[in-house]
N, C-alpha and C. Protein backbone atom coordinates (compact mmCIF):
# COMPACT_ATOMS: atom_id res chain seq x y z
N UNK A 1 0.84 -1.18 0.00
CA UNK A 1 0.00 0.00 0.00
C UNK A 1 0.89 1.25 0.00
N UNK A 2 0.67 2.19 -0.94
CA UNK A 2 1.50 3.38 -1.00
C UNK A 2 1.34 4.26 0.25
N UNK A 3 2.41 4.96 0.54
CA UNK A 3 2.40 5.95 1.61
C UNK A 3 2.97 7.25 1.04
N UNK A 4 3.12 8.24 1.85
CA UNK A 4 3.60 9.53 1.34
C UNK A 4 5.02 9.45 0.78
N UNK A 5 5.81 8.49 1.20
CA UNK A 5 7.17 8.33 0.69
C UNK A 5 7.15 7.64 -0.66
N UNK A 6 6.32 6.61 -0.81
CA UNK A 6 6.35 5.80 -2.02
C UNK A 6 5.31 6.21 -3.07
N UNK A 7 4.36 7.05 -2.74
CA UNK A 7 3.29 7.42 -3.67
C UNK A 7 3.84 8.12 -4.92
N UNK A 8 4.87 8.92 -4.76
CA UNK A 8 5.51 9.57 -5.90
C UNK A 8 6.83 8.85 -6.14
N UNK A 9 7.02 8.28 -7.32
CA UNK A 9 8.25 7.52 -7.57
C UNK A 9 9.49 8.43 -7.52
N UNK A 10 10.61 7.84 -7.18
CA UNK A 10 11.88 8.56 -7.18
C UNK A 10 12.23 8.94 -8.62
N UNK A 11 12.97 10.03 -8.75
CA UNK A 11 13.41 10.47 -10.07
C UNK A 11 14.37 9.44 -10.67
N UNK A 12 14.46 9.41 -11.98
CA UNK A 12 15.48 8.55 -12.61
C UNK A 12 16.87 8.94 -12.09
N UNK A 13 17.76 7.99 -12.02
CA UNK A 13 19.08 8.21 -11.43
C UNK A 13 19.83 9.38 -12.05
N UNK A 14 19.79 9.52 -13.37
CA UNK A 14 20.52 10.60 -14.02
C UNK A 14 19.96 11.96 -13.60
N UNK A 15 18.65 12.08 -13.52
CA UNK A 15 18.02 13.33 -13.09
C UNK A 15 18.34 13.60 -11.61
N UNK A 16 18.31 12.57 -10.79
CA UNK A 16 18.64 12.72 -9.37
C UNK A 16 20.10 13.16 -9.21
N UNK A 17 21.00 12.59 -10.00
CA UNK A 17 22.41 12.98 -9.94
C UNK A 17 22.57 14.46 -10.28
N UNK A 18 21.91 14.91 -11.34
CA UNK A 18 21.99 16.32 -11.73
C UNK A 18 21.46 17.23 -10.62
N UNK A 19 20.36 16.84 -10.03
CA UNK A 19 19.76 17.63 -8.96
C UNK A 19 20.69 17.75 -7.76
N UNK A 20 21.21 16.63 -7.30
CA UNK A 20 22.05 16.65 -6.10
C UNK A 20 23.41 17.29 -6.37
N UNK A 21 23.94 17.14 -7.57
CA UNK A 21 25.17 17.86 -7.92
C UNK A 21 24.93 19.36 -7.90
N UNK A 22 23.78 19.80 -8.40
CA UNK A 22 23.46 21.23 -8.43
C UNK A 22 23.35 21.81 -7.03
N UNK A 23 22.89 21.03 -6.06
CA UNK A 23 22.76 21.53 -4.69
C UNK A 23 24.09 22.04 -4.15
N UNK A 24 25.19 21.40 -4.53
CA UNK A 24 26.51 21.82 -4.03
C UNK A 24 26.95 23.16 -4.61
N UNK A 25 26.31 23.61 -5.68
CA UNK A 25 26.62 24.94 -6.21
C UNK A 25 25.90 26.03 -5.42
N UNK A 26 24.92 25.63 -4.62
CA UNK A 26 24.14 26.58 -3.84
C UNK A 26 24.46 26.56 -2.35
N UNK A 27 24.98 25.46 -1.86
CA UNK A 27 25.23 25.38 -0.43
C UNK A 27 26.44 24.54 -0.08
N UNK A 28 26.91 24.78 1.12
CA UNK A 28 27.98 24.00 1.72
C UNK A 28 27.50 23.64 3.12
N UNK A 29 28.32 22.98 3.91
CA UNK A 29 27.87 22.66 5.26
C UNK A 29 28.90 23.10 6.30
N UNK A 30 28.52 22.96 7.55
CA UNK A 30 29.36 23.41 8.65
C UNK A 30 30.71 22.70 8.67
N UNK A 31 30.72 21.42 8.40
CA UNK A 31 31.98 20.66 8.43
C UNK A 31 32.95 21.17 7.37
N UNK A 32 32.45 21.48 6.19
CA UNK A 32 33.33 21.98 5.13
C UNK A 32 33.85 23.38 5.45
N UNK A 33 32.99 24.23 6.02
CA UNK A 33 33.43 25.57 6.42
C UNK A 33 34.47 25.46 7.53
N UNK A 34 34.21 24.62 8.51
CA UNK A 34 35.15 24.43 9.61
C UNK A 34 36.50 23.94 9.09
N UNK A 35 36.49 22.97 8.20
CA UNK A 35 37.73 22.42 7.64
C UNK A 35 38.50 23.49 6.86
N UNK A 36 37.78 24.34 6.12
CA UNK A 36 38.44 25.39 5.35
C UNK A 36 39.15 26.38 6.28
N UNK A 37 38.50 26.75 7.37
CA UNK A 37 39.13 27.67 8.32
C UNK A 37 40.26 26.98 9.09
N UNK A 38 40.07 25.71 9.44
CA UNK A 38 41.09 24.97 10.22
C UNK A 38 42.36 24.76 9.41
N UNK A 39 42.25 24.75 8.08
CA UNK A 39 43.42 24.53 7.22
C UNK A 39 44.38 25.73 7.28
N UNK A 40 43.88 26.87 7.77
CA UNK A 40 44.72 28.06 7.85
C UNK A 40 44.81 28.76 6.51
N UNK A 41 45.28 29.98 6.54
CA UNK A 41 45.39 30.75 5.31
C UNK A 41 44.04 31.24 4.84
N UNK A 42 43.98 31.63 3.59
CA UNK A 42 42.76 32.15 2.99
C UNK A 42 41.83 30.99 2.66
N UNK A 43 40.63 30.97 3.26
CA UNK A 43 39.73 29.86 2.98
C UNK A 43 39.09 29.92 1.59
N UNK A 44 39.19 31.07 0.91
CA UNK A 44 38.62 31.19 -0.43
C UNK A 44 37.21 31.74 -0.43
N UNK A 45 36.72 32.20 0.72
CA UNK A 45 35.38 32.76 0.81
C UNK A 45 35.30 33.68 2.02
N UNK A 46 34.26 34.50 2.02
CA UNK A 46 33.95 35.34 3.18
C UNK A 46 32.69 34.77 3.81
N UNK A 47 32.78 34.40 5.07
CA UNK A 47 31.64 33.86 5.80
C UNK A 47 30.86 35.01 6.40
N UNK A 48 29.56 35.08 6.10
CA UNK A 48 28.73 36.20 6.53
C UNK A 48 27.61 35.72 7.44
N UNK A 49 27.63 36.22 8.67
CA UNK A 49 26.57 35.99 9.64
C UNK A 49 25.55 37.09 9.42
N UNK A 50 24.33 36.74 9.02
CA UNK A 50 23.31 37.74 8.70
C UNK A 50 22.39 38.04 9.88
N UNK A 51 22.69 37.47 11.04
CA UNK A 51 21.85 37.72 12.22
C UNK A 51 22.10 39.13 12.78
N UNK A 52 21.33 39.51 13.75
CA UNK A 52 21.47 40.83 14.36
C UNK A 52 22.84 40.99 15.00
N UNK A 53 23.33 42.22 15.11
CA UNK A 53 24.60 42.43 15.80
C UNK A 53 24.61 41.88 17.23
N UNK A 54 23.47 41.96 17.93
CA UNK A 54 23.40 41.42 19.29
C UNK A 54 23.58 39.91 19.30
N UNK A 55 22.92 39.21 18.38
CA UNK A 55 23.08 37.75 18.30
C UNK A 55 24.48 37.37 17.84
N UNK A 56 25.02 38.12 16.91
CA UNK A 56 26.40 37.90 16.46
C UNK A 56 27.36 38.02 17.65
N UNK A 57 27.17 39.05 18.47
CA UNK A 57 28.04 39.28 19.62
C UNK A 57 27.94 38.14 20.64
N UNK A 58 26.74 37.59 20.82
CA UNK A 58 26.54 36.49 21.77
C UNK A 58 27.30 35.24 21.37
N UNK A 59 27.46 35.03 20.08
CA UNK A 59 28.18 33.86 19.59
C UNK A 59 28.06 33.71 18.09
N UNK A 60 29.20 33.66 17.41
CA UNK A 60 29.23 33.50 15.95
C UNK A 60 30.37 32.57 15.56
N UNK A 61 30.33 32.13 14.33
CA UNK A 61 31.39 31.27 13.81
C UNK A 61 32.67 32.10 13.74
N UNK A 62 33.77 31.60 14.33
CA UNK A 62 35.03 32.34 14.25
C UNK A 62 35.41 32.59 12.79
N UNK A 63 35.75 33.83 12.49
CA UNK A 63 36.11 34.20 11.13
C UNK A 63 34.97 34.82 10.34
N UNK A 64 33.77 34.78 10.90
CA UNK A 64 32.61 35.36 10.20
C UNK A 64 32.56 36.86 10.39
N UNK A 65 32.03 37.54 9.37
CA UNK A 65 31.73 38.96 9.48
C UNK A 65 30.21 39.09 9.61
N UNK A 66 29.76 40.18 10.21
CA UNK A 66 28.34 40.39 10.45
C UNK A 66 27.81 41.46 9.50
N UNK A 67 26.96 41.03 8.57
CA UNK A 67 26.30 41.97 7.66
C UNK A 67 24.84 41.54 7.55
N UNK A 68 23.94 42.37 8.03
CA UNK A 68 22.52 42.08 7.87
C UNK A 68 22.15 42.12 6.40
N UNK A 69 21.22 41.26 5.97
CA UNK A 69 20.88 41.22 4.54
C UNK A 69 20.37 42.57 4.05
N UNK A 70 19.69 43.31 4.89
CA UNK A 70 19.21 44.62 4.50
C UNK A 70 20.30 45.66 4.34
N UNK A 71 21.49 45.36 4.88
CA UNK A 71 22.62 46.29 4.79
C UNK A 71 23.61 45.87 3.69
N UNK A 72 23.25 44.84 2.94
CA UNK A 72 24.12 44.39 1.85
C UNK A 72 23.89 45.29 0.65
N UNK A 73 24.78 46.25 0.48
CA UNK A 73 24.72 47.17 -0.64
C UNK A 73 26.08 47.19 -1.31
N UNK A 74 26.10 47.61 -2.54
CA UNK A 74 27.33 47.57 -3.34
C UNK A 74 28.47 48.30 -2.63
N UNK A 75 28.21 49.46 -2.06
CA UNK A 75 29.30 50.23 -1.42
C UNK A 75 29.86 49.49 -0.21
N UNK A 76 29.02 48.76 0.51
CA UNK A 76 29.48 48.00 1.68
C UNK A 76 30.38 46.83 1.26
N UNK A 77 30.14 46.32 0.07
CA UNK A 77 30.89 45.15 -0.42
C UNK A 77 32.07 45.54 -1.30
N UNK A 78 32.26 46.84 -1.52
CA UNK A 78 33.30 47.32 -2.44
C UNK A 78 34.71 46.89 -2.02
N UNK A 79 34.91 46.62 -0.74
CA UNK A 79 36.23 46.20 -0.27
C UNK A 79 36.61 44.79 -0.74
N UNK A 80 35.63 44.03 -1.24
CA UNK A 80 35.87 42.67 -1.69
C UNK A 80 35.92 42.64 -3.22
N UNK A 81 36.89 41.91 -3.79
CA UNK A 81 36.90 41.77 -5.26
C UNK A 81 35.57 41.20 -5.76
N UNK A 82 35.21 41.52 -6.98
CA UNK A 82 33.93 41.10 -7.54
C UNK A 82 33.73 39.59 -7.56
N UNK A 83 34.82 38.84 -7.64
CA UNK A 83 34.70 37.38 -7.71
C UNK A 83 34.77 36.70 -6.34
N UNK A 84 34.72 37.48 -5.26
CA UNK A 84 34.76 36.91 -3.91
C UNK A 84 33.53 36.06 -3.68
N UNK A 85 33.75 34.83 -3.23
CA UNK A 85 32.65 33.95 -2.87
C UNK A 85 32.21 34.29 -1.45
N UNK A 86 30.91 34.52 -1.28
CA UNK A 86 30.34 34.75 0.05
C UNK A 86 29.56 33.51 0.45
N UNK A 87 29.63 33.18 1.74
CA UNK A 87 28.86 32.07 2.30
C UNK A 87 28.05 32.66 3.46
N UNK A 88 26.74 32.58 3.35
CA UNK A 88 25.88 33.17 4.38
C UNK A 88 25.36 32.11 5.34
N UNK A 89 25.10 32.54 6.56
CA UNK A 89 24.42 31.67 7.52
C UNK A 89 23.59 32.52 8.47
N UNK A 90 22.63 31.87 9.12
CA UNK A 90 21.78 32.53 10.10
C UNK A 90 21.65 31.61 11.30
N UNK A 91 20.52 31.65 11.98
CA UNK A 91 20.34 30.88 13.21
C UNK A 91 20.29 29.38 12.96
N UNK A 92 19.70 28.97 11.87
CA UNK A 92 19.60 27.53 11.59
C UNK A 92 18.49 27.23 10.63
N UNK A 93 18.09 25.97 10.56
CA UNK A 93 17.10 25.54 9.58
C UNK A 93 15.75 26.23 9.73
N UNK A 94 15.46 26.76 10.90
CA UNK A 94 14.18 27.42 11.15
C UNK A 94 14.20 28.89 10.73
N UNK A 95 15.31 29.36 10.17
CA UNK A 95 15.51 30.77 9.83
C UNK A 95 15.79 30.89 8.33
N UNK A 96 15.21 31.90 7.69
CA UNK A 96 15.48 32.08 6.27
C UNK A 96 16.41 33.27 5.99
N UNK A 97 17.06 33.77 7.03
CA UNK A 97 17.97 34.90 6.87
C UNK A 97 19.12 34.60 5.93
N UNK A 98 19.66 33.38 5.99
CA UNK A 98 20.77 33.02 5.10
C UNK A 98 20.33 33.08 3.64
N UNK A 99 19.12 32.62 3.36
CA UNK A 99 18.60 32.68 1.99
C UNK A 99 18.34 34.13 1.58
N UNK A 100 17.86 34.95 2.49
CA UNK A 100 17.64 36.37 2.18
C UNK A 100 18.97 37.06 1.86
N UNK A 101 19.98 36.76 2.67
CA UNK A 101 21.30 37.33 2.42
C UNK A 101 21.89 36.82 1.11
N UNK A 102 21.73 35.54 0.84
CA UNK A 102 22.25 34.96 -0.40
C UNK A 102 21.54 35.57 -1.60
N UNK A 103 20.24 35.75 -1.50
CA UNK A 103 19.49 36.38 -2.58
C UNK A 103 20.00 37.80 -2.82
N UNK A 104 20.20 38.54 -1.76
CA UNK A 104 20.68 39.93 -1.91
C UNK A 104 22.05 39.96 -2.57
N UNK A 105 22.94 39.08 -2.14
CA UNK A 105 24.28 39.03 -2.74
C UNK A 105 24.19 38.65 -4.22
N UNK A 106 23.34 37.70 -4.55
CA UNK A 106 23.15 37.31 -5.96
C UNK A 106 22.59 38.48 -6.77
N UNK A 107 21.67 39.23 -6.18
CA UNK A 107 21.12 40.40 -6.86
C UNK A 107 22.22 41.44 -7.14
N UNK A 108 23.23 41.47 -6.27
CA UNK A 108 24.35 42.38 -6.46
C UNK A 108 25.43 41.80 -7.37
N UNK A 109 25.16 40.62 -7.93
CA UNK A 109 26.09 40.00 -8.87
C UNK A 109 27.24 39.28 -8.21
N UNK A 110 27.10 38.93 -6.94
CA UNK A 110 28.18 38.29 -6.19
C UNK A 110 27.97 36.78 -6.13
N UNK A 111 29.07 35.99 -6.24
CA UNK A 111 28.97 34.54 -6.05
C UNK A 111 28.61 34.25 -4.59
N UNK A 112 27.70 33.32 -4.39
CA UNK A 112 27.22 33.07 -3.03
C UNK A 112 26.75 31.64 -2.84
N UNK A 113 26.94 31.15 -1.63
CA UNK A 113 26.39 29.87 -1.18
C UNK A 113 25.84 30.09 0.23
N UNK A 114 25.06 29.15 0.69
CA UNK A 114 24.54 29.14 2.05
C UNK A 114 25.27 28.05 2.83
N UNK A 115 25.56 28.32 4.11
CA UNK A 115 26.08 27.27 4.99
C UNK A 115 24.86 26.62 5.64
N UNK A 116 24.53 25.43 5.17
CA UNK A 116 23.38 24.69 5.70
C UNK A 116 23.55 24.45 7.20
N UNK A 117 22.47 24.62 7.92
CA UNK A 117 22.48 24.36 9.36
C UNK A 117 22.67 25.59 10.21
N UNK A 118 23.37 26.60 9.68
CA UNK A 118 23.60 27.83 10.44
C UNK A 118 24.27 27.58 11.78
N UNK A 119 24.00 28.48 12.73
CA UNK A 119 24.57 28.36 14.07
C UNK A 119 24.16 27.05 14.73
N UNK A 120 22.90 26.66 14.53
CA UNK A 120 22.42 25.40 15.11
C UNK A 120 23.25 24.22 14.64
N UNK A 121 23.49 24.16 13.34
CA UNK A 121 24.31 23.08 12.78
C UNK A 121 25.74 23.14 13.28
N UNK A 122 26.29 24.35 13.38
CA UNK A 122 27.66 24.54 13.86
C UNK A 122 27.81 23.97 15.27
N UNK A 123 26.86 24.31 16.14
CA UNK A 123 26.88 23.82 17.52
C UNK A 123 26.66 22.31 17.55
N UNK A 124 25.72 21.83 16.74
CA UNK A 124 25.45 20.38 16.69
C UNK A 124 26.68 19.58 16.29
N UNK A 125 27.53 20.17 15.45
CA UNK A 125 28.77 19.50 15.03
C UNK A 125 29.84 19.54 16.12
N UNK A 126 29.59 20.30 17.19
CA UNK A 126 30.55 20.37 18.29
C UNK A 126 31.58 21.47 18.14
N UNK A 127 31.37 22.38 17.19
CA UNK A 127 32.33 23.46 16.98
C UNK A 127 32.05 24.61 17.94
N UNK A 128 33.07 25.35 18.27
CA UNK A 128 32.93 26.45 19.22
C UNK A 128 32.53 27.74 18.52
N UNK A 129 31.95 28.63 19.30
CA UNK A 129 31.58 29.95 18.84
C UNK A 129 32.53 30.98 19.43
N UNK A 130 32.58 32.11 18.80
CA UNK A 130 33.37 33.24 19.27
C UNK A 130 32.37 34.33 19.69
N UNK A 131 32.71 35.08 20.72
CA UNK A 131 31.86 36.18 21.14
C UNK A 131 32.58 37.50 20.91
N UNK A 132 31.82 38.57 20.89
CA UNK A 132 32.41 39.89 20.73
C UNK A 132 31.56 40.91 21.45
N UNK A 133 32.12 42.08 21.67
CA UNK A 133 31.39 43.16 22.29
C UNK A 133 30.44 43.80 21.28
N UNK A 134 29.30 44.24 21.76
CA UNK A 134 28.36 44.96 20.91
C UNK A 134 28.70 46.42 20.94
N UNK A 135 28.73 47.06 19.76
CA UNK A 135 29.00 48.49 19.70
C UNK A 135 27.88 49.23 20.42
N UNK A 136 28.26 50.25 21.19
CA UNK A 136 27.27 51.02 21.93
C UNK A 136 26.60 52.05 21.04
């Protein structure tokens, strides 16, 4: 008897391969970001925490910069070469801030991916957070 999993057949393997390969052009995960930073040197991307400055200060991924998606404007990004890859993250799977930030960066013509899992995923993987002071 069919159920919600089996009622719609799986895609043909070639189509499934194309779909899942394409996902890696849009996102990365916490383990890959952590490994890139742990390797030292230039990781090849700018990690962007799109949460509020207060939440960023409470705890963020070490090496991340804090830019709210609404503050992503060309002049703010001018310090980065046009081909700089940005990786956005937010609170976690329950938050769409990373997608909003990624959309804004794409609208500005910037290469972008999302770090799947956000802060929640980072903590679940056992990685530490960094804290900072909030500007007064």
